[in-house]
PDB file of N, CA and C in Angstrom:
ATOM      1  N   MET A   1     -38.270 -83.859 154.652  1.00  0.00           N
ATOM      2  CA  MET A   1     -39.120 -83.506 153.541  1.00  0.00           C
ATOM      3  C   MET A   1     -39.441 -84.782 152.758  1.00  0.00           C
ATOM      4  N   LYS A   2     -40.694 -84.932 152.394  1.00  0.00           N
ATOM      5  CA  LYS A   2     -41.119 -86.087 151.599  1.00  0.00           C
ATOM      6  C   LYS A   2     -41.373 -85.614 150.167  1.00  0.00           C
ATOM      7  N   THR A   3     -40.780 -86.298 149.231  1.00  0.00           N
ATOM      8  CA  THR A   3     -40.917 -85.922 147.828  1.00  0.00           C
ATOM      9  C   THR A   3     -42.111 -86.635 147.187  1.00  0.00           C
ATOM     10  N   LYS A   4     -42.440 -86.240 145.981  1.00  0.00           N
ATOM     11  CA  LYS A   4     -43.544 -86.887 145.264  1.00  0.00           C
ATOM     12  C   LYS A   4     -43.259 -88.348 144.975  1.00  0.00           C
ATOM     13  N   CYS A   5     -41.984 -88.705 144.953  1.00  0.00           N
ATOM     14  CA  CYS A   5     -41.625 -90.114 144.733  1.00  0.00           C
ATOM     15  C   CYS A   5     -41.671 -90.905 146.043  1.00  0.00           C
ATOM     16  N   LYS A   6     -42.146 -90.247 147.104  1.00  0.00           N
ATOM     17  CA  LYS A   6     -42.408 -90.879 148.404  1.00  0.00           C
ATOM     18  C   LYS A   6     -41.152 -91.188 149.233  1.00  0.00           C
ATOM     19  N   HIS A   7     -40.036 -90.554 148.895  1.00  0.00           N
ATOM     20  CA  HIS A   7     -38.826 -90.728 149.694  1.00  0.00           C
ATOM     21  C   HIS A   7     -38.657 -89.544 150.636  1.00  0.00           C
ATOM     22  N   VAL A   8     -38.168 -89.827 151.823  1.00  0.00           N
ATOM     23  CA  VAL A   8     -37.957 -88.788 152.829  1.00  0.00           C
ATOM     24  C   VAL A   8     -36.478 -88.429 152.853  1.00  0.00           C
ATOM     25  N   MET A   9     -36.200 -87.121 152.809  1.00  0.00           N
ATOM     26  CA  MET A   9     -34.821 -86.644 152.871  1.00  0.00           C
ATOM     27  C   MET A   9     -34.730 -85.514 153.883  1.00  0.00           C
ATOM     28  N   TYR A  10     -33.680 -85.536 154.642  1.00  0.00           N
ATOM     29  CA  TYR A  10     -33.429 -84.477 155.612  1.00  0.00           C
ATOM     30  C   TYR A  10     -32.735 -83.305 154.929  1.00  0.00           C
ATOM     31  N   LEU A  11     -32.922 -82.122 155.491  1.00  0.00           N
ATOM     32  CA  LEU A  11     -32.351 -80.914 154.908  1.00  0.00           C
ATOM     33  C   LEU A  11     -30.839 -81.007 154.764  1.00  0.00           C
ATOM     34  N   ASN A  12     -30.156 -81.547 155.776  1.00  0.00           N
ATOM     35  CA  ASN A  12     -28.697 -81.627 155.687  1.00  0.00           C
ATOM     36  C   ASN A  12     -28.252 -82.550 154.554  1.00  0.00           C
ATOM     37  N   CYS A  13     -29.081 -83.480 154.147  1.00  0.00           N
ATOM     38  CA  CYS A  13     -28.773 -84.330 152.980  1.00  0.00           C
ATOM     39  C   CYS A  13     -29.114 -83.597 151.683  1.00  0.00           C
ATOM     40  N   LEU A  14     -30.244 -82.915 151.668  1.00  0.00           N
ATOM     41  CA  LEU A  14     -30.660 -82.188 150.466  1.00  0.00           C
ATOM     42  C   LEU A  14     -29.615 -81.185 150.023  1.00  0.00           C
ATOM     43  N   VAL A  15     -29.054 -80.438 150.972  1.00  0.00           N
ATOM     44  CA  VAL A  15     -28.107 -79.385 150.602  1.00  0.00           C
ATOM     45  C   VAL A  15     -26.761 -79.932 150.154  1.00  0.00           C
ATOM     46  N   GLN A  16     -26.575 -81.238 150.229  1.00  0.00           N
ATOM     47  CA  GLN A  16     -25.339 -81.850 149.758  1.00  0.00           C
ATOM     48  C   GLN A  16     -25.489 -82.509 148.387  1.00  0.00           C
ATOM     49  N   LEU A  17     -26.711 -82.555 147.876  1.00  0.00           N
ATOM     50  CA  LEU A  17     -26.936 -83.160 146.558  1.00  0.00           C
ATOM     51  C   LEU A  17     -26.210 -82.370 145.480  1.00  0.00           C
ATOM     52  N   ARG A  18     -25.864 -83.051 144.400  1.00  0.00           N
ATOM     53  CA  ARG A  18     -25.221 -82.409 143.253  1.00  0.00           C
ATOM     54  C   ARG A  18     -26.166 -82.320 142.048  1.00  0.00           C
ATOM     55  N   LYS A  19     -27.305 -82.987 142.150  1.00  0.00           N
ATOM     56  CA  LYS A  19     -28.318 -82.943 141.092  1.00  0.00           C
ATOM     57  C   LYS A  19     -29.682 -82.836 141.756  1.00  0.00           C
ATOM     58  N   THR A  20     -30.641 -82.272 141.048  1.00  0.00           N
ATOM     59  CA  THR A  20     -32.001 -82.171 141.576  1.00  0.00           C
ATOM     60  C   THR A  20     -32.776 -83.440 141.252  1.00  0.00           C
ATOM     61  N   GLU A  21     -32.196 -84.555 141.651  1.00  0.00           N
ATOM     62  CA  GLU A  21     -32.872 -85.839 141.486  1.00  0.00           C
ATOM     63  C   GLU A  21     -32.772 -86.622 142.783  1.00  0.00           C
ATOM     64  N   CYS A  22     -33.769 -87.429 143.012  1.00  0.00           N
ATOM     65  CA  CYS A  22     -33.814 -88.251 144.213  1.00  0.00           C
ATOM     66  C   CYS A  22     -32.622 -89.208 144.195  1.00  0.00           C
ATOM     67  N   PRO A  23     -31.839 -89.253 145.263  1.00  0.00           N
ATOM     68  CA  PRO A  23     -30.689 -90.154 145.273  1.00  0.00           C
ATOM     69  C   PRO A  23     -31.083 -91.634 145.380  1.00  0.00           C
ATOM     70  N   MET A  24     -32.352 -91.899 145.699  1.00  0.00           N
ATOM     71  CA  MET A  24     -32.786 -93.288 145.839  1.00  0.00           C
ATOM     72  C   MET A  24     -33.381 -93.867 144.557  1.00  0.00           C
ATOM     73  N   CYS A  25     -34.148 -93.033 143.828  1.00  0.00           N
ATOM     74  CA  CYS A  25     -34.798 -93.563 142.617  1.00  0.00           C
ATOM     75  C   CYS A  25     -34.510 -92.744 141.363  1.00  0.00           C
ATOM     76  N   ARG A  26     -33.775 -91.669 141.501  1.00  0.00           N
ATOM     77  CA  ARG A  26     -33.370 -90.790 140.393  1.00  0.00           C
ATOM     78  C   ARG A  26     -34.514 -89.976 139.782  1.00  0.00           C
ATOM     79  N   ALA A  27     -35.648 -89.914 140.464  1.00  0.00           N
ATOM     80  CA  ALA A  27     -36.749 -89.076 139.974  1.00  0.00           C
ATOM     81  C   ALA A  27     -36.359 -87.606 140.100  1.00  0.00           C
ATOM     82  N   ASN A  28     -36.841 -86.791 139.191  1.00  0.00           N
ATOM     83  CA  ASN A  28     -36.587 -85.358 139.261  1.00  0.00           C
ATOM     84  C   ASN A  28     -37.388 -84.782 140.434  1.00  0.00           C
ATOM     85  N   ILE A  29     -36.693 -84.129 141.367  1.00  0.00           N
ATOM     86  CA  ILE A  29     -37.365 -83.570 142.556  1.00  0.00           C
ATOM     87  C   ILE A  29     -37.294 -82.044 142.594  1.00  0.00           C
ATOM     88  N   GLU A  30     -36.850 -81.443 141.519  1.00  0.00           N
ATOM     89  CA  GLU A  30     -36.668 -79.986 141.497  1.00  0.00           C
ATOM     90  C   GLU A  30     -37.953 -79.246 141.869  1.00  0.00           C
ATOM     91  N   GLN A  31     -39.089 -79.694 141.359  1.00  0.00           N
ATOM     92  CA  GLN A  31     -40.349 -79.004 141.644  1.00  0.00           C
ATOM     93  C   GLN A  31     -40.842 -79.226 143.067  1.00  0.00           C
ATOM     94  N   ASP A  32     -40.287 -80.215 143.759  1.00  0.00           N
ATOM     95  CA  ASP A  32     -40.656 -80.482 145.151  1.00  0.00           C
ATOM     96  C   ASP A  32     -39.894 -79.593 146.132  1.00  0.00           C
ATOM     97  N   LEU A  33     -38.841 -78.941 145.651  1.00  0.00           N
ATOM     98  CA  LEU A  33     -37.927 -78.214 146.527  1.00  0.00           C
ATOM     99  C   LEU A  33     -38.121 -76.709 146.451  1.00  0.00           C
ATOM    100  N   PRO A  34     -37.883 -76.018 147.569  1.00  0.00           N
ATOM    101  CA  PRO A  34     -37.878 -74.551 147.522  1.00  0.00           C
ATOM    102  C   PRO A  34     -36.730 -74.064 146.626  1.00  0.00           C
ATOM    103  N   ASP A  35     -36.908 -72.907 146.016  1.00  0.00           N
ATOM    104  CA  ASP A  35     -35.906 -72.362 145.096  1.00  0.00           C
ATOM    105  C   ASP A  35     -34.529 -72.237 145.736  1.00  0.00           C
ATOM    106  N   LYS A  36     -34.484 -71.886 147.011  1.00  0.00           N
ATOM    107  CA  LYS A  36     -33.183 -71.714 147.675  1.00  0.00           C
ATOM    108  C   LYS A  36     -32.405 -73.024 147.747  1.00  0.00           C
ATOM    109  N   ILE A  37     -33.096 -74.129 147.945  1.00  0.00           N
ATOM    110  CA  ILE A  37     -32.415 -75.425 147.971  1.00  0.00           C
ATOM    111  C   ILE A  37     -31.959 -75.798 146.569  1.00  0.00           C
ATOM    112  N   VAL A  38     -32.776 -75.532 145.568  1.00  0.00           N
ATOM    113  CA  VAL A  38     -32.399 -75.804 144.183  1.00  0.00           C
ATOM    114  C   VAL A  38     -31.132 -75.019 143.840  1.00  0.00           C
ATOM    115  N   ASN A  39     -31.064 -73.765 144.276  1.00  0.00           N
ATOM    116  CA  ASN A  39     -29.869 -72.955 144.018  1.00  0.00           C
ATOM    117  C   ASN A  39     -28.638 -73.551 144.686  1.00  0.00           C
ATOM    118  N   ILE A  40     -28.787 -74.034 145.913  1.00  0.00           N
ATOM    119  CA  ILE A  40     -27.668 -74.665 146.616  1.00  0.00           C
ATOM    120  C   ILE A  40     -27.212 -75.909 145.855  1.00  0.00           C
ATOM    121  N   ILE A  41     -28.156 -76.728 145.419  1.00  0.00           N
ATOM    122  CA  ILE A  41     -27.813 -77.948 144.677  1.00  0.00           C
ATOM    123  C   ILE A  41     -27.104 -77.597 143.369  1.00  0.00           C
ATOM    124  N   ASN A  42     -27.615 -76.595 142.671  1.00  0.00           N
ATOM    125  CA  ASN A  42     -26.977 -76.181 141.423  1.00  0.00           C
ATOM    126  C   ASN A  42     -25.561 -75.682 141.670  1.00  0.00           C
ATOM    127  N   ASN A  43     -25.347 -74.977 142.782  1.00  0.00           N
ATOM    128  CA  ASN A  43     -23.999 -74.528 143.128  1.00  0.00           C
ATOM    129  C   ASN A  43     -23.104 -75.713 143.464  1.00  0.00           C
ATOM    130  N   ASN A  44     -23.670 -76.739 144.077  1.00  0.00           N
ATOM    131  CA  ASN A  44     -22.887 -77.939 144.409  1.00  0.00           C
ATOM    132  C   ASN A  44     -22.343 -78.613 143.163  1.00  0.00           C
ATOM    133  N   SER A  45     -23.089 -78.530 142.082  1.00  0.00           N
ATOM    134  CA  SER A  45     -22.652 -79.207 140.865  1.00  0.00           C
ATOM    135  C   SER A  45     -21.435 -78.527 140.240  1.00  0.00           C
ATOM    136  N   THR A  46     -21.194 -77.270 140.600  1.00  0.00           N
ATOM    137  CA  THR A  46     -20.055 -76.548 140.041  1.00  0.00           C
ATOM    138  C   THR A  46     -18.979 -76.246 141.074  1.00  0.00           C
ATOM    139  N   ASN A  47     -19.309 -76.368 142.351  1.00  0.00           N
ATOM    140  CA  ASN A  47     -18.371 -76.049 143.428  1.00  0.00           C
ATOM    141  C   ASN A  47     -18.020 -77.285 144.234  1.00  0.00           C
ATOM    142  N   ASP A  48     -17.059 -77.101 145.105  1.00  0.00           N
ATOM    143  CA  ASP A  48     -16.694 -78.146 146.063  1.00  0.00           C
ATOM    144  C   ASP A  48     -17.849 -78.338 147.033  1.00  0.00           C
ATOM    145  N   ARG A  49     -18.284 -79.572 147.227  1.00  0.00           N
ATOM    146  CA  ARG A  49     -19.434 -79.890 148.093  1.00  0.00           C
ATOM    147  C   ARG A  49     -19.235 -79.379 149.520  1.00  0.00           C
ATOM    148  N   THR A  50     -18.031 -79.504 150.067  1.00  0.00           N
ATOM    149  CA  THR A  50     -17.763 -79.078 151.441  1.00  0.00           C
ATOM    150  C   THR A  50     -17.976 -77.584 151.597  1.00  0.00           C
ATOM    151  N   THR A  51     -17.520 -76.815 150.633  1.00  0.00           N
ATOM    152  CA  THR A  51     -17.677 -75.368 150.697  1.00  0.00           C
ATOM    153  C   THR A  51     -19.144 -74.990 150.734  1.00  0.00           C
ATOM    154  N   SER A  52     -19.961 -75.591 149.864  1.00  0.00           N
ATOM    155  CA  SER A  52     -21.384 -75.277 149.825  1.00  0.00           C
ATOM    156  C   SER A  52     -22.075 -75.676 151.112  1.00  0.00           C
ATOM    157  N   PHE A  53     -21.729 -76.847 151.630  1.00  0.00           N
ATOM    158  CA  PHE A  53     -22.357 -77.309 152.866  1.00  0.00           C
ATOM    159  C   PHE A  53     -21.975 -76.421 154.041  1.00  0.00           C
ATOM    160  N   ASN A  54     -20.717 -76.030 154.136  1.00  0.00           N
ATOM    161  CA  ASN A  54     -20.274 -75.197 155.247  1.00  0.00           C
ATOM    162  C   ASN A  54     -20.870 -73.800 155.194  1.00  0.00           C
ATOM    163  N   SER A  55     -21.241 -73.330 154.005  1.00  0.00           N
ATOM    164  CA  SER A  55     -21.832 -72.000 153.899  1.00  0.00           C
ATOM    165  C   SER A  55     -23.297 -72.003 154.322  1.00  0.00           C
ATOM    166  N   PHE A  56     -23.858 -73.171 154.532  1.00  0.00           N
ATOM    167  CA  PHE A  56     -25.245 -73.304 154.963  1.00  0.00           C
ATOM    168  C   PHE A  56     -25.292 -73.176 156.482  1.00  0.00           C
ATOM    169  N   ASN A  57     -25.808 -72.044 156.988  1.00  0.00           N
ATOM    170  CA  ASN A  57     -25.736 -71.786 158.428  1.00  0.00           C
ATOM    171  C   ASN A  57     -26.815 -72.520 159.214  1.00  0.00           C
ATOM    172  N   SER A  58     -26.716 -72.445 160.524  1.00  0.00           N
ATOM    173  CA  SER A  58     -27.638 -73.182 161.398  1.00  0.00           C
ATOM    174  C   SER A  58     -29.076 -72.695 161.279  1.00  0.00           C
ATOM    175  N   ASP A  59     -29.273 -71.461 160.819  1.00  0.00           N
ATOM    176  CA  ASP A  59     -30.629 -70.950 160.621  1.00  0.00           C
ATOM    177  C   ASP A  59     -31.123 -71.206 159.201  1.00  0.00           C
ATOM    178  N   GLY A  60     -30.350 -71.953 158.431  1.00  0.00           N
ATOM    179  CA  GLY A  60     -30.692 -72.192 157.039  1.00  0.00           C
ATOM    180  C   GLY A  60     -32.061 -72.806 156.854  1.00  0.00           C
ATOM    181  N   PHE A  61     -32.442 -73.719 157.722  1.00  0.00           N
ATOM    182  CA  PHE A  61     -33.739 -74.365 157.607  1.00  0.00           C
ATOM    183  C   PHE A  61     -34.849 -73.324 157.659  1.00  0.00           C
ATOM    184  N   ASN A  62     -34.809 -72.449 158.659  1.00  0.00           N
ATOM    185  CA  ASN A  62     -35.843 -71.417 158.780  1.00  0.00           C
ATOM    186  C   ASN A  62     -35.797 -70.440 157.624  1.00  0.00           C
ATOM    187  N   ASN A  63     -34.609 -70.086 157.181  1.00  0.00           N
ATOM    188  CA  ASN A  63     -34.489 -69.136 156.074  1.00  0.00           C
ATOM    189  C   ASN A  63     -35.043 -69.700 154.772  1.00  0.00           C
ATOM    190  N   ILE A  64     -34.880 -70.987 154.545  1.00  0.00           N
ATOM    191  CA  ILE A  64     -35.340 -71.594 153.305  1.00  0.00           C
ATOM    192  C   ILE A  64     -36.844 -71.807 153.306  1.00  0.00           C
ATOM    193  N   PHE A  65     -37.370 -72.361 154.371  1.00  0.00           N
ATOM    194  CA  PHE A  65     -38.774 -72.743 154.370  1.00  0.00           C
ATOM    195  C   PHE A  65     -39.715 -71.650 154.857  1.00  0.00           C
ATOM    196  N   ASN A  66     -39.195 -70.557 155.386  1.00  0.00           N
ATOM    197  CA  ASN A  66     -40.056 -69.492 155.889  1.00  0.00           C
ATOM    198  C   ASN A  66     -39.865 -68.194 155.128  1.00  0.00           C
ATOM    199  N   SER A  67     -39.398 -68.265 153.906  1.00  0.00           N
ATOM    200  CA  SER A  67     -39.216 -67.037 153.141  1.00  0.00           C
ATOM    201  C   SER A  67     -40.315 -66.841 152.143  1.00  0.00           C
TER     202      SER A  67
END
């Protein structure tokens, strides 16, 4: 996924973020992301990162971008 700040991030990296900001330039990317990814990131900020990442199943990509 390419953000408005022109950085490319893979889904497996996005779902591990703890803030809705670009890890490269710190720009706010919340509006660039589907709501389901924003929810995962928000959960990461309050939960253990490993738990949130492991709960993201192999069909997660299709479920997020095709809903």
